């Protein structure tokens, strides 16, 4: 299963260009602590008790693809790192590819999607 498809569906379209332009496996595999049981086990191993792992969903809304992309290239750690890693001309090709895919997916209007995070709670 593609974790970007389930956790951040709007970012799923970034994975292919990341592989093509940077040879980076962005979004492949399971995210660290991305499963409730794994998260709870890590908290337990760190000495926490009374552990709960709660999914929390937030709706993201952006005026358009450009606003969505601006937010993600600054605030999404893997994309920001990729931006630093790529030479300017490679970043430009990557960005053009991503924007074309996102515009194909979302069109000219608003970009809206839900994203779920796991919050771990415990006492120590």
PDB file of N, CA and C in Angstrom:
ATOM      1  N   UNK A   1       0.839  -1.179   0.000  1.00  0.00           N
ATOM      2  CA  UNK A   1       0.000   0.000   0.000  1.00  0.00           C
ATOM      3  C   UNK A   1       0.886   1.245   0.000  1.00  0.00           C
ATOM      4  N   UNK A   2       0.507   2.247  -0.721  1.00  0.00           N
ATOM      5  CA  UNK A   2       1.238   3.501  -0.807  1.00  0.00           C
ATOM      6  C   UNK A   2       0.829   4.388   0.369  1.00  0.00           C
ATOM      7  N   UNK A   3       1.747   4.689   1.307  1.00  0.00           N
ATOM      8  CA  UNK A   3       1.374   5.500   2.463  1.00  0.00           C
ATOM      9  C   UNK A   3       0.918   6.896   2.085  1.00  0.00           C
ATOM     10  N   UNK A   4       1.441   7.467   1.013  1.00  0.00           N
ATOM     11  CA  UNK A   4       0.979   8.796   0.618  1.00  0.00           C
ATOM     12  C   UNK A   4      -0.461   8.774   0.140  1.00  0.00           C
ATOM     13  N   UNK A   5      -0.897   7.659  -0.432  1.00  0.00           N
ATOM     14  CA  UNK A   5      -2.283   7.579  -0.905  1.00  0.00           C
ATOM     15  C   UNK A   5      -3.247   7.589   0.279  1.00  0.00           C
ATOM     16  N   UNK A   6      -2.849   7.001   1.414  1.00  0.00           N
ATOM     17  CA  UNK A   6      -3.755   6.924   2.554  1.00  0.00           C
ATOM     18  C   UNK A   6      -3.572   8.072   3.536  1.00  0.00           C
ATOM     19  N   UNK A   7      -2.340   8.543   3.730  1.00  0.00           N
ATOM     20  CA  UNK A   7      -2.084   9.586   4.719  1.00  0.00           C
ATOM     21  C   UNK A   7      -2.229  10.977   4.122  1.00  0.00           C
ATOM     22  N   UNK A   8      -1.706  11.181   2.938  1.00  0.00           N
ATOM     23  CA  UNK A   8      -1.739  12.491   2.296  1.00  0.00           C
ATOM     24  C   UNK A   8      -2.038  12.303   0.818  1.00  0.00           C
ATOM     25  N   UNK A   9      -3.302  12.021   0.495  1.00  0.00           N
ATOM     26  CA  UNK A   9      -3.636  11.695  -0.889  1.00  0.00           C
ATOM     27  C   UNK A   9      -3.203  12.752  -1.894  1.00  0.00           C
ATOM     28  N   UNK A  10      -3.238  13.998  -1.528  1.00  0.00           N
ATOM     29  CA  UNK A  10      -2.858  15.043  -2.473  1.00  0.00           C
ATOM     30  C   UNK A  10      -1.369  15.004  -2.793  1.00  0.00           C
ATOM     31  N   UNK A  11      -0.566  14.417  -1.912  1.00  0.00           N
ATOM     32  CA  UNK A  11       0.871  14.326  -2.159  1.00  0.00           C
ATOM     33  C   UNK A  11       1.264  13.060  -2.902  1.00  0.00           C
ATOM     34  N   UNK A  12       0.325  12.167  -3.097  1.00  0.00           N
ATOM     35  CA  UNK A  12       0.616  10.920  -3.809  1.00  0.00           C
ATOM     36  C   UNK A  12       1.241  11.194  -5.176  1.00  0.00           C
ATOM     37  N   UNK A  13       0.799  12.238  -5.834  1.00  0.00           N
ATOM     38  CA  UNK A  13       1.287  12.547  -7.177  1.00  0.00           C
ATOM     39  C   UNK A  13       2.713  13.082  -7.196  1.00  0.00           C
ATOM     40  N   UNK A  14       3.301  13.348  -6.050  1.00  0.00           N
ATOM     41  CA  UNK A  14       4.668  13.847  -5.975  1.00  0.00           C
ATOM     42  C   UNK A  14       5.669  12.695  -6.060  1.00  0.00           C
ATOM     43  N   UNK A  15       5.247  11.511  -5.690  1.00  0.00           N
ATOM     44  CA  UNK A  15       6.159  10.371  -5.578  1.00  0.00           C
ATOM     45  C   UNK A  15       6.845  10.019  -6.897  1.00  0.00           C
ATOM     46  N   UNK A  16       6.087   9.917  -7.974  1.00  0.00           N
ATOM     47  CA  UNK A  16       6.668   9.564  -9.271  1.00  0.00           C
ATOM     48  C   UNK A  16       7.724  10.563  -9.730  1.00  0.00           C
ATOM     49  N   UNK A  17       7.409  11.865  -9.727  1.00  0.00           N
ATOM     50  CA  UNK A  17       8.428  12.837 -10.109  1.00  0.00           C
ATOM     51  C   UNK A  17       9.660  12.802  -9.198  1.00  0.00           C
ATOM     52  N   UNK A  18       9.477  12.546  -7.921  1.00  0.00           N
ATOM     53  CA  UNK A  18      10.625  12.474  -7.003  1.00  0.00           C
ATOM     54  C   UNK A  18      11.556  11.346  -7.418  1.00  0.00           C
ATOM     55  N   UNK A  19      10.973  10.234  -7.801  1.00  0.00           N
ATOM     56  CA  UNK A  19      11.799   9.110  -8.251  1.00  0.00           C
ATOM     57  C   UNK A  19      12.501   9.419  -9.569  1.00  0.00           C
ATOM     58  N   UNK A  20      11.790  10.064 -10.487  1.00  0.00           N
ATOM     59  CA  UNK A  20      12.370  10.352 -11.803  1.00  0.00           C
ATOM     60  C   UNK A  20      13.475  11.402 -11.741  1.00  0.00           C
ATOM     61  N   UNK A  21      13.227  12.477 -11.016  1.00  0.00           N
ATOM     62  CA  UNK A  21      14.144  13.611 -11.046  1.00  0.00           C
ATOM     63  C   UNK A  21      15.235  13.542  -9.984  1.00  0.00           C
ATOM     64  N   UNK A  22      14.974  12.861  -8.886  1.00  0.00           N
ATOM     65  CA  UNK A  22      15.944  12.857  -7.786  1.00  0.00           C
ATOM     66  C   UNK A  22      16.364  11.457  -7.389  1.00  0.00           C
ATOM     67  N   UNK A  23      15.741  10.476  -8.012  1.00  0.00           N
ATOM     68  CA  UNK A  23      15.989   9.086  -7.628  1.00  0.00           C
ATOM     69  C   UNK A  23      15.759   8.911  -6.133  1.00  0.00           C
ATOM     70  N   UNK A  24      14.756   9.632  -5.612  1.00  0.00           N
ATOM     71  CA  UNK A  24      14.430   9.595  -4.186  1.00  0.00           C
ATOM     72  C   UNK A  24      13.158   8.793  -3.985  1.00  0.00           C
ATOM     73  N   UNK A  25      13.173   7.843  -3.060  1.00  0.00           N
ATOM     74  CA  UNK A  25      11.982   7.022  -2.810  1.00  0.00           C
ATOM     75  C   UNK A  25      10.980   7.713  -1.899  1.00  0.00           C
ATOM     76  N   UNK A  26      10.589   8.918  -2.242  1.00  0.00           N
ATOM     77  CA  UNK A  26       9.652   9.696  -1.436  1.00  0.00           C
ATOM     78  C   UNK A  26       8.337   8.948  -1.288  1.00  0.00           C
ATOM     79  N   UNK A  27       7.933   8.723  -0.057  1.00  0.00           N
ATOM     80  CA  UNK A  27       6.648   8.088   0.193  1.00  0.00           C
ATOM     81  C   UNK A  27       6.631   6.595   0.015  1.00  0.00           C
ATOM     82  N   UNK A  28       7.783   5.951  -0.076  1.00  0.00           N
ATOM     83  CA  UNK A  28       7.767   4.499  -0.222  1.00  0.00           C
ATOM     84  C   UNK A  28       7.885   3.862   1.156  1.00  0.00           C
ATOM     85  N   UNK A  29       7.297   2.707   1.302  1.00  0.00           N
ATOM     86  CA  UNK A  29       7.343   2.018   2.579  1.00  0.00           C
ATOM     87  C   UNK A  29       6.375   2.622   3.577  1.00  0.00           C
ATOM     88  N   UNK A  30       6.453   2.147   4.801  1.00  0.00           N
ATOM     89  CA  UNK A  30       5.591   2.631   5.867  1.00  0.00           C
ATOM     90  C   UNK A  30       6.318   3.721   6.638  1.00  0.00           C
ATOM     91  N   UNK A  31       5.625   4.780   6.937  1.00  0.00           N
ATOM     92  CA  UNK A  31       6.229   5.866   7.699  1.00  0.00           C
ATOM     93  C   UNK A  31       6.612   5.378   9.095  1.00  0.00           C
ATOM     94  N   UNK A  32       7.727   5.862   9.640  1.00  0.00           N
ATOM     95  CA  UNK A  32       8.088   5.487  11.002  1.00  0.00           C
ATOM     96  C   UNK A  32       6.949   5.852  11.966  1.00  0.00           C
ATOM     97  N   UNK A  33       6.628   4.934  12.842  1.00  0.00           N
ATOM     98  CA  UNK A  33       5.541   5.100  13.809  1.00  0.00           C
ATOM     99  C   UNK A  33       4.207   5.367  13.114  1.00  0.00           C
ATOM    100  N   UNK A  34       4.069   4.882  11.900  1.00  0.00           N
ATOM    101  CA  UNK A  34       2.871   5.121  11.103  1.00  0.00           C
ATOM    102  C   UNK A  34       1.736   4.157  11.381  1.00  0.00           C
ATOM    103  N   UNK A  35       1.971   3.161  12.211  1.00  0.00           N
ATOM    104  CA  UNK A  35       0.928   2.206  12.590  1.00  0.00           C
ATOM    105  C   UNK A  35       0.672   2.345  14.092  1.00  0.00           C
ATOM    106  N   UNK A  36      -0.591   2.350  14.524  1.00  0.00           N
ATOM    107  CA  UNK A  36      -0.885   2.541  15.948  1.00  0.00           C
ATOM    108  C   UNK A  36      -0.138   1.570  16.871  1.00  0.00           C
ATOM    109  N   UNK A  37      -0.062   0.300  16.505  1.00  0.00           N
ATOM    110  CA  UNK A  37       0.618  -0.671  17.353  1.00  0.00           C
ATOM    111  C   UNK A  37       2.104  -0.382  17.492  1.00  0.00           C
ATOM    112  N   UNK A  38       2.725  -0.007  16.398  1.00  0.00           N
ATOM    113  CA  UNK A  38       4.152   0.326  16.421  1.00  0.00           C
ATOM    114  C   UNK A  38       4.394   1.563  17.285  1.00  0.00           C
ATOM    115  N   UNK A  39       3.518   2.541  17.154  1.00  0.00           N
ATOM    116  CA  UNK A  39       3.628   3.782  17.930  1.00  0.00           C
ATOM    117  C   UNK A  39       3.472   3.469  19.420  1.00  0.00           C
ATOM    118  N   UNK A  40       2.457   2.691  19.774  1.00  0.00           N
ATOM    119  CA  UNK A  40       2.216   2.322  21.179  1.00  0.00           C
ATOM    120  C   UNK A  40       3.411   1.548  21.747  1.00  0.00           C
ATOM    121  N   UNK A  41       3.964   0.628  20.968  1.00  0.00           N
ATOM    122  CA  UNK A  41       5.120  -0.149  21.425  1.00  0.00           C
ATOM    123  C   UNK A  41       6.321   0.759  21.692  1.00  0.00           C
ATOM    124  N   UNK A  42       6.549   1.742  20.839  1.00  0.00           N
ATOM    125  CA  UNK A  42       7.667   2.663  21.038  1.00  0.00           C
ATOM    126  C   UNK A  42       7.467   3.490  22.303  1.00  0.00           C
ATOM    127  N   UNK A  43       6.245   3.926  22.549  1.00  0.00           N
ATOM    128  CA  UNK A  43       5.969   4.673  23.778  1.00  0.00           C
ATOM    129  C   UNK A  43       6.179   3.795  25.009  1.00  0.00           C
ATOM    130  N   UNK A  44       5.728   2.548  24.939  1.00  0.00           N
ATOM    131  CA  UNK A  44       5.932   1.615  26.042  1.00  0.00           C
ATOM    132  C   UNK A  44       7.411   1.370  26.297  1.00  0.00           C
ATOM    133  N   UNK A  45       8.184   1.201  25.228  1.00  0.00           N
ATOM    134  CA  UNK A  45       9.621   0.971  25.366  1.00  0.00           C
ATOM    135  C   UNK A  45      10.331   2.186  25.957  1.00  0.00           C
ATOM    136  N   UNK A  46       9.742   3.368  25.788  1.00  0.00           N
ATOM    137  CA  UNK A  46      10.322   4.594  26.346  1.00  0.00           C
ATOM    138  C   UNK A  46       9.881   4.837  27.781  1.00  0.00           C
ATOM    139  N   UNK A  47       9.096   3.905  28.350  1.00  0.00           N
ATOM    140  CA  UNK A  47       8.704   4.012  29.749  1.00  0.00           C
ATOM    141  C   UNK A  47       7.347   4.636  30.011  1.00  0.00           C
ATOM    142  N   UNK A  48       6.575   4.854  28.982  1.00  0.00           N
ATOM    143  CA  UNK A  48       5.244   5.431  29.178  1.00  0.00           C
ATOM    144  C   UNK A  48       4.246   4.336  29.549  1.00  0.00           C
ATOM    145  N   UNK A  49       3.239   4.704  30.327  1.00  0.00           N
ATOM    146  CA  UNK A  49       2.137   3.800  30.692  1.00  0.00           C
ATOM    147  C   UNK A  49       0.821   4.473  30.327  1.00  0.00           C
ATOM    148  N   UNK A  50      -0.259   3.727  30.436  1.00  0.00           N
ATOM    149  CA  UNK A  50      -1.569   4.291  30.108  1.00  0.00           C
ATOM    150  C   UNK A  50      -1.598   4.817  28.686  1.00  0.00           C
ATOM    151  N   UNK A  51      -0.988   4.102  27.793  1.00  0.00           N
ATOM    152  CA  UNK A  51      -0.774   4.571  26.416  1.00  0.00           C
ATOM    153  C   UNK A  51      -2.061   4.490  25.599  1.00  0.00           C
ATOM    154  N   UNK A  52      -2.301   5.573  24.851  1.00  0.00           N
ATOM    155  CA  UNK A  52      -3.367   5.602  23.839  1.00  0.00           C
ATOM    156  C   UNK A  52      -2.786   6.209  22.573  1.00  0.00           C
ATOM    157  N   UNK A  53      -3.156   5.656  21.467  1.00  0.00           N
ATOM    158  CA  UNK A  53      -2.767   6.230  20.177  1.00  0.00           C
ATOM    159  C   UNK A  53      -4.060   6.571  19.457  1.00  0.00           C
ATOM    160  N   UNK A  54      -4.219   7.848  19.196  1.00  0.00           N
ATOM    161  CA  UNK A  54      -5.469   8.352  18.620  1.00  0.00           C
ATOM    162  C   UNK A  54      -5.237   8.935  17.229  1.00  0.00           C
ATOM    163  N   UNK A  55      -6.021   8.512  16.241  1.00  0.00           N
ATOM    164  CA  UNK A  55      -5.944   9.188  14.934  1.00  0.00           C
ATOM    165  C   UNK A  55      -6.700  10.510  14.989  1.00  0.00           C
ATOM    166  N   UNK A  56      -6.107  11.550  14.431  1.00  0.00           N
ATOM    167  CA  UNK A  56      -6.736  12.868  14.371  1.00  0.00           C
ATOM    168  C   UNK A  56      -6.674  13.333  12.921  1.00  0.00           C
ATOM    169  N   UNK A  57      -7.821  13.662  12.372  1.00  0.00           N
ATOM    170  CA  UNK A  57      -7.902  14.072  10.981  1.00  0.00           C
ATOM    171  C   UNK A  57      -8.130  15.571  10.884  1.00  0.00           C
ATOM    172  N   UNK A  58      -7.403  16.186   9.980  1.00  0.00           N
ATOM    173  CA  UNK A  58      -7.517  17.626   9.738  1.00  0.00           C
ATOM    174  C   UNK A  58      -7.765  17.835   8.247  1.00  0.00           C
ATOM    175  N   UNK A  59      -8.657  18.747   7.941  1.00  0.00           N
ATOM    176  CA  UNK A  59      -8.920  19.070   6.533  1.00  0.00           C
ATOM    177  C   UNK A  59      -8.013  20.223   6.108  1.00  0.00           C
ATOM    178  N   UNK A  60      -7.305  20.010   5.021  1.00  0.00           N
ATOM    179  CA  UNK A  60      -6.471  21.055   4.436  1.00  0.00           C
ATOM    180  C   UNK A  60      -7.206  21.647   3.250  1.00  0.00           C
ATOM    181  N   UNK A  61      -7.158  22.967   3.119  1.00  0.00           N
ATOM    182  CA  UNK A  61      -7.789  23.668   1.998  1.00  0.00           C
ATOM    183  C   UNK A  61      -6.833  24.728   1.478  1.00  0.00           C
ATOM    184  N   UNK A  62      -6.708  24.758   0.169  1.00  0.00           N
ATOM    185  CA  UNK A  62      -5.857  25.738  -0.492  1.00  0.00           C
ATOM    186  C   UNK A  62      -6.632  26.322  -1.658  1.00  0.00           C
ATOM    187  N   UNK A  63      -6.379  27.585  -1.961  1.00  0.00           N
ATOM    188  CA  UNK A  63      -7.109  28.264  -3.043  1.00  0.00           C
ATOM    189  C   UNK A  63      -6.912  27.564  -4.378  1.00  0.00           C
ATOM    190  N   UNK A  64      -5.714  27.027  -4.597  1.00  0.00           N
ATOM    191  CA  UNK A  64      -5.417  26.378  -5.876  1.00  0.00           C
ATOM    192  C   UNK A  64      -4.152  25.534  -5.723  1.00  0.00           C
ATOM    193  N   UNK A  65      -3.738  24.907  -6.808  1.00  0.00           N
ATOM    194  CA  UNK A  65      -2.562  24.044  -6.801  1.00  0.00           C
ATOM    195  C   UNK A  65      -1.307  24.823  -6.414  1.00  0.00           C
ATOM    196  N   UNK A  66      -1.173  26.064  -6.904  1.00  0.00           N
ATOM    197  CA  UNK A  66       0.023  26.849  -6.581  1.00  0.00           C
ATOM    198  C   UNK A  66       0.127  27.110  -5.085  1.00  0.00           C
ATOM    199  N   UNK A  67      -0.970  27.440  -4.427  1.00  0.00           N
ATOM    200  CA  UNK A  67      -0.952  27.664  -2.975  1.00  0.00           C
ATOM    201  C   UNK A  67      -0.636  26.369  -2.233  1.00  0.00           C
ATOM    202  N   UNK A  68      -1.208  25.272  -2.688  1.00  0.00           N
ATOM    203  CA  UNK A  68      -0.922  23.966  -2.097  1.00  0.00           C
ATOM    204  C   UNK A  68       0.569  23.645  -2.218  1.00  0.00           C
ATOM    205  N   UNK A  69       1.132  23.844  -3.400  1.00  0.00           N
ATOM    206  CA  UNK A  69       2.534  23.514  -3.624  1.00  0.00           C
ATOM    207  C   UNK A  69       3.454  24.421  -2.811  1.00  0.00           C
ATOM    208  N   UNK A  70       3.154  25.714  -2.741  1.00  0.00           N
ATOM    209  CA  UNK A  70       3.965  26.644  -1.948  1.00  0.00           C
ATOM    210  C   UNK A  70       4.012  26.204  -0.491  1.00  0.00           C
ATOM    211  N   UNK A  71       2.878  25.834   0.053  1.00  0.00           N
ATOM    212  CA  UNK A  71       2.806  25.348   1.434  1.00  0.00           C
ATOM    213  C   UNK A  71       3.672  24.105   1.617  1.00  0.00           C
ATOM    214  N   UNK A  72       3.583  23.166   0.695  1.00  0.00           N
ATOM    215  CA  UNK A  72       4.290  21.898   0.848  1.00  0.00           C
ATOM    216  C   UNK A  72       5.786  21.994   0.591  1.00  0.00           C
ATOM    217  N   UNK A  73       6.205  22.838  -0.324  1.00  0.00           N
ATOM    218  CA  UNK A  73       7.653  22.914  -0.559  1.00  0.00           C
ATOM    219  C   UNK A  73       8.360  23.626   0.585  1.00  0.00           C
ATOM    220  N   UNK A  74       7.620  24.360   1.387  1.00  0.00           N
ATOM    221  CA  UNK A  74       8.217  25.014   2.562  1.00  0.00           C
ATOM    222  C   UNK A  74       8.001  24.221   3.842  1.00  0.00           C
ATOM    223  N   UNK A  75       6.855  23.554   3.960  1.00  0.00           N
ATOM    224  CA  UNK A  75       6.494  22.936   5.236  1.00  0.00           C
ATOM    225  C   UNK A  75       6.493  21.425   5.266  1.00  0.00           C
ATOM    226  N   UNK A  76       6.702  20.781   4.144  1.00  0.00           N
ATOM    227  CA  UNK A  76       6.731  19.319   4.098  1.00  0.00           C
ATOM    228  C   UNK A  76       8.195  18.897   4.083  1.00  0.00           C
ATOM    229  N   UNK A  77       8.650  18.270   5.181  1.00  0.00           N
ATOM    230  CA  UNK A  77      10.088  17.991   5.349  1.00  0.00           C
ATOM    231  C   UNK A  77      10.716  17.239   4.178  1.00  0.00           C
ATOM    232  N   UNK A  78      10.133  16.134   3.697  1.00  0.00           N
ATOM    233  CA  UNK A  78      10.790  15.445   2.576  1.00  0.00           C
ATOM    234  C   UNK A  78      10.918  16.306   1.321  1.00  0.00           C
ATOM    235  N   UNK A  79       9.908  17.117   1.047  1.00  0.00           N
ATOM    236  CA  UNK A  79       9.973  17.983  -0.139  1.00  0.00           C
ATOM    237  C   UNK A  79      10.987  19.102   0.073  1.00  0.00           C
ATOM    238  N   UNK A  80      11.024  19.689   1.265  1.00  0.00           N
ATOM    239  CA  UNK A  80      12.003  20.741   1.554  1.00  0.00           C
ATOM    240  C   UNK A  80      13.430  20.200   1.438  1.00  0.00           C
ATOM    241  N   UNK A  81      13.654  18.979   1.937  1.00  0.00           N
ATOM    242  CA  UNK A  81      14.987  18.369   1.819  1.00  0.00           C
ATOM    243  C   UNK A  81      15.342  18.094   0.367  1.00  0.00           C
ATOM    244  N   UNK A  82      14.364  17.652  -0.397  1.00  0.00           N
ATOM    245  CA  UNK A  82      14.602  17.409  -1.819  1.00  0.00           C
ATOM    246  C   UNK A  82      14.969  18.716  -2.524  1.00  0.00           C
ATOM    247  N   UNK A  83      14.286  19.794  -2.145  1.00  0.00           N
ATOM    248  CA  UNK A  83      14.572  21.112  -2.720  1.00  0.00           C
ATOM    249  C   UNK A  83      16.022  21.497  -2.442  1.00  0.00           C
ATOM    250  N   UNK A  84      16.506  21.248  -1.235  1.00  0.00           N
ATOM    251  CA  UNK A  84      17.894  21.559  -0.891  1.00  0.00           C
ATOM    252  C   UNK A  84      18.879  20.661  -1.631  1.00  0.00           C
ATOM    253  N   UNK A  85      18.491  19.422  -1.849  1.00  0.00           N
ATOM    254  CA  UNK A  85      19.391  18.426  -2.431  1.00  0.00           C
ATOM    255  C   UNK A  85      19.581  18.579  -3.944  1.00  0.00           C
ATOM    256  N   UNK A  86      18.534  18.998  -4.636  1.00  0.00           N
ATOM    257  CA  UNK A  86      18.596  19.064  -6.099  1.00  0.00           C
ATOM    258  C   UNK A  86      19.258  20.346  -6.588  1.00  0.00           C
ATOM    259  N   UNK A  87      20.005  20.219  -7.658  1.00  0.00           N
ATOM    260  CA  UNK A  87      20.534  21.403  -8.335  1.00  0.00           C
ATOM    261  C   UNK A  87      19.349  22.213  -8.863  1.00  0.00           C
ATOM    262  N   UNK A  88      19.507  23.531  -8.984  1.00  0.00           N
ATOM    263  CA  UNK A  88      18.375  24.370  -9.397  1.00  0.00           C
ATOM    264  C   UNK A  88      17.663  23.902 -10.663  1.00  0.00           C
ATOM    265  N   UNK A  89      18.412  23.498 -11.690  1.00  0.00           N
ATOM    266  CA  UNK A  89      17.754  23.071 -12.935  1.00  0.00           C
ATOM    267  C   UNK A  89      16.983  21.759 -12.743  1.00  0.00           C
ATOM    268  N   UNK A  90      17.471  20.866 -11.902  1.00  0.00           N
ATOM    269  CA  UNK A  90      16.745  19.613 -11.622  1.00  0.00           C
ATOM    270  C   UNK A  90      15.499  19.906 -10.787  1.00  0.00           C
ATOM    271  N   UNK A  91      15.629  20.824  -9.816  1.00  0.00           N
ATOM    272  CA  UNK A  91      14.460  21.202  -9.009  1.00  0.00           C
ATOM    273  C   UNK A  91      13.389  21.792  -9.914  1.00  0.00           C
ATOM    274  N   UNK A  92      13.777  22.641 -10.848  1.00  0.00           N
ATOM    275  CA  UNK A  92      12.805  23.271 -11.738  1.00  0.00           C
ATOM    276  C   UNK A  92      12.062  22.212 -12.563  1.00  0.00           C
ATOM    277  N   UNK A  93      12.772  21.229 -13.091  1.00  0.00           N
ATOM    278  CA  UNK A  93      12.114  20.160 -13.857  1.00  0.00           C
ATOM    279  C   UNK A  93      11.185  19.341 -12.952  1.00  0.00           C
ATOM    280  N   UNK A  94      11.661  19.027 -11.757  1.00  0.00           N
ATOM    281  CA  UNK A  94      10.843  18.287 -10.789  1.00  0.00           C
ATOM    282  C   UNK A  94       9.569  19.061 -10.471  1.00  0.00           C
ATOM    283  N   UNK A  95       9.730  20.336 -10.160  1.00  0.00           N
ATOM    284  CA  UNK A  95       8.585  21.166  -9.789  1.00  0.00           C
ATOM    285  C   UNK A  95       7.578  21.281 -10.939  1.00  0.00           C
ATOM    286  N   UNK A  96       8.049  21.449 -12.159  1.00  0.00           N
ATOM    287  CA  UNK A  96       7.152  21.528 -13.317  1.00  0.00           C
ATOM    288  C   UNK A  96       6.378  20.224 -13.482  1.00  0.00           C
ATOM    289  N   UNK A  97       7.051  19.102 -13.298  1.00  0.00           N
ATOM    290  CA  UNK A  97       6.412  17.791 -13.402  1.00  0.00           C
ATOM    291  C   UNK A  97       5.332  17.636 -12.331  1.00  0.00           C
ATOM    292  N   UNK A  98       5.685  17.978 -11.100  1.00  0.00           N
ATOM    293  CA  UNK A  98       4.730  17.861  -9.992  1.00  0.00           C
ATOM    294  C   UNK A  98       3.524  18.765 -10.229  1.00  0.00           C
ATOM    295  N   UNK A  99       3.768  20.017 -10.584  1.00  0.00           N
ATOM    296  CA  UNK A  99       2.655  20.946 -10.797  1.00  0.00           C
ATOM    297  C   UNK A  99       1.738  20.476 -11.923  1.00  0.00           C
ATOM    298  N   UNK A 100       2.297  19.921 -12.977  1.00  0.00           N
ATOM    299  CA  UNK A 100       1.466  19.399 -14.067  1.00  0.00           C
ATOM    300  C   UNK A 100       0.581  18.261 -13.562  1.00  0.00           C
ATOM    301  N   UNK A 101       1.145  17.352 -12.761  1.00  0.00           N
ATOM    302  CA  UNK A 101       0.360  16.241 -12.215  1.00  0.00           C
ATOM    303  C   UNK A 101      -0.730  16.738 -11.273  1.00  0.00           C
ATOM    304  N   UNK A 102      -0.373  17.699 -10.431  1.00  0.00           N
ATOM    305  CA  UNK A 102      -1.358  18.230  -9.482  1.00  0.00           C
ATOM    306  C   UNK A 102      -2.483  18.972 -10.202  1.00  0.00           C
ATOM    307  N   UNK A 103      -2.145  19.728 -11.234  1.00  0.00           N
ATOM    308  CA  UNK A 103      -3.190  20.433 -11.997  1.00  0.00           C
ATOM    309  C   UNK A 103      -4.099  19.446 -12.729  1.00  0.00           C
ATOM    310  N   UNK A 104      -3.511  18.358 -13.194  1.00  0.00           N
ATOM    311  CA  UNK A 104      -4.324  17.318 -13.839  1.00  0.00           C
ATOM    312  C   UNK A 104      -5.289  16.698 -12.824  1.00  0.00           C
ATOM    313  N   UNK A 105      -4.821  16.494 -11.628  1.00  0.00           N
ATOM    314  CA  UNK A 105      -5.638  15.869 -10.580  1.00  0.00           C
ATOM    315  C   UNK A 105      -6.705  16.811 -10.026  1.00  0.00           C
ATOM    316  N   UNK A 106      -6.323  18.082  -9.760  1.00  0.00           N
ATOM    317  CA  UNK A 106      -7.224  19.000  -9.055  1.00  0.00           C
ATOM    318  C   UNK A 106      -7.840  20.077  -9.935  1.00  0.00           C
ATOM    319  N   UNK A 107      -7.330  20.287 -11.129  1.00  0.00           N
ATOM    320  CA  UNK A 107      -7.861  21.331 -11.983  1.00  0.00           C
ATOM    321  C   UNK A 107      -7.419  22.710 -11.514  1.00  0.00           C
ATOM    322  N   UNK A 108      -8.186  23.715 -11.885  1.00  0.00           N
ATOM    323  CA  UNK A 108      -7.817  25.103 -11.596  1.00  0.00           C
ATOM    324  C   UNK A 108      -8.381  25.610 -10.281  1.00  0.00           C
ATOM    325  N   UNK A 109      -9.226  24.832  -9.636  1.00  0.00           N
ATOM    326  CA  UNK A 109      -9.897  25.320  -8.433  1.00  0.00           C
ATOM    327  C   UNK A 109      -9.202  24.953  -7.145  1.00  0.00           C
ATOM    328  N   UNK A 110     -10.002  24.961  -6.105  1.00  0.00           N
ATOM    329  CA  UNK A 110      -9.539  24.693  -4.747  1.00  0.00           C
ATOM    330  C   UNK A 110      -8.973  23.274  -4.607  1.00  0.00           C
ATOM    331  N   UNK A 111      -7.955  23.156  -3.784  1.00  0.00           N
ATOM    332  CA  UNK A 111      -7.405  21.854  -3.413  1.00  0.00           C
ATOM    333  C   UNK A 111      -7.812  21.604  -1.969  1.00  0.00           C
ATOM    334  N   UNK A 112      -8.551  20.521  -1.744  1.00  0.00           N
ATOM    335  CA  UNK A 112      -8.993  20.183  -0.389  1.00  0.00           C
ATOM    336  C   UNK A 112      -8.823  18.689  -0.178  1.00  0.00           C
ATOM    337  N   UNK A 113      -8.319  18.322   0.980  1.00  0.00           N
ATOM    338  CA  UNK A 113      -8.154  16.916   1.308  1.00  0.00           C
ATOM    339  C   UNK A 113      -8.010  16.757   2.821  1.00  0.00           C
ATOM    340  N   UNK A 114      -8.306  15.581   3.300  1.00  0.00           N
ATOM    341  CA  UNK A 114      -8.121  15.247   4.706  1.00  0.00           C
ATOM    342  C   UNK A 114      -6.794  14.548   4.886  1.00  0.00           C
ATOM    343  N   UNK A 115      -6.145  14.819   6.005  1.00  0.00           N
ATOM    344  CA  UNK A 115      -4.902  14.138   6.352  1.00  0.00           C
ATOM    345  C   UNK A 115      -5.000  13.714   7.812  1.00  0.00           C
ATOM    346  N   UNK A 116      -4.614  12.482   8.084  1.00  0.00           N
ATOM    347  CA  UNK A 116      -4.723  11.933   9.427  1.00  0.00           C
ATOM    348  C   UNK A 116      -3.347  11.749  10.036  1.00  0.00           C
ATOM    349  N   UNK A 117      -3.208  12.177  11.281  1.00  0.00           N
ATOM    350  CA  UNK A 117      -1.980  11.985  12.057  1.00  0.00           C
ATOM    351  C   UNK A 117      -2.327  11.115  13.253  1.00  0.00           C
ATOM    352  N   UNK A 118      -1.343  10.382  13.723  1.00  0.00           N
ATOM    353  CA  UNK A 118      -1.502   9.611  14.946  1.00  0.00           C
ATOM    354  C   UNK A 118      -0.890  10.402  16.094  1.00  0.00           C
ATOM    355  N   UNK A 119      -1.660  10.586  17.161  1.00  0.00           N
ATOM    356  CA  UNK A 119      -1.164  11.252  18.361  1.00  0.00           C
ATOM    357  C   UNK A 119      -1.011  10.206  19.454  1.00  0.00           C
ATOM    358  N   UNK A 120       0.178  10.139  20.030  1.00  0.00           N
ATOM    359  CA  UNK A 120       0.442   9.184  21.102  1.00  0.00           C
ATOM    360  C   UNK A 120       0.358   9.876  22.450  1.00  0.00           C
ATOM    361  N   UNK A 121      -0.408   9.264  23.341  1.00  0.00           N
ATOM    362  CA  UNK A 121      -0.605   9.823  24.679  1.00  0.00           C
ATOM    363  C   UNK A 121      -0.175   8.798  25.709  1.00  0.00           C
ATOM    364  N   UNK A 122       0.489   9.252  26.760  1.00  0.00           N
ATOM    365  CA  UNK A 122       0.914   8.345  27.818  1.00  0.00           C
ATOM    366  C   UNK A 122       1.387   9.132  29.017  1.00  0.00           C
ATOM    367  N   UNK A 123       1.656   8.412  30.100  1.00  0.00           N
ATOM    368  CA  UNK A 123       2.112   9.017  31.355  1.00  0.00           C
ATOM    369  C   UNK A 123       3.478   8.428  31.683  1.00  0.00           C
ATOM    370  N   UNK A 124       4.347   9.313  32.165  1.00  0.00           N
ATOM    371  CA  UNK A 124       5.662   8.822  32.578  1.00  0.00           C
ATOM    372  C   UNK A 124       6.092   9.500  33.841  1.00  0.00           C
TER     373      UNK A 124
END
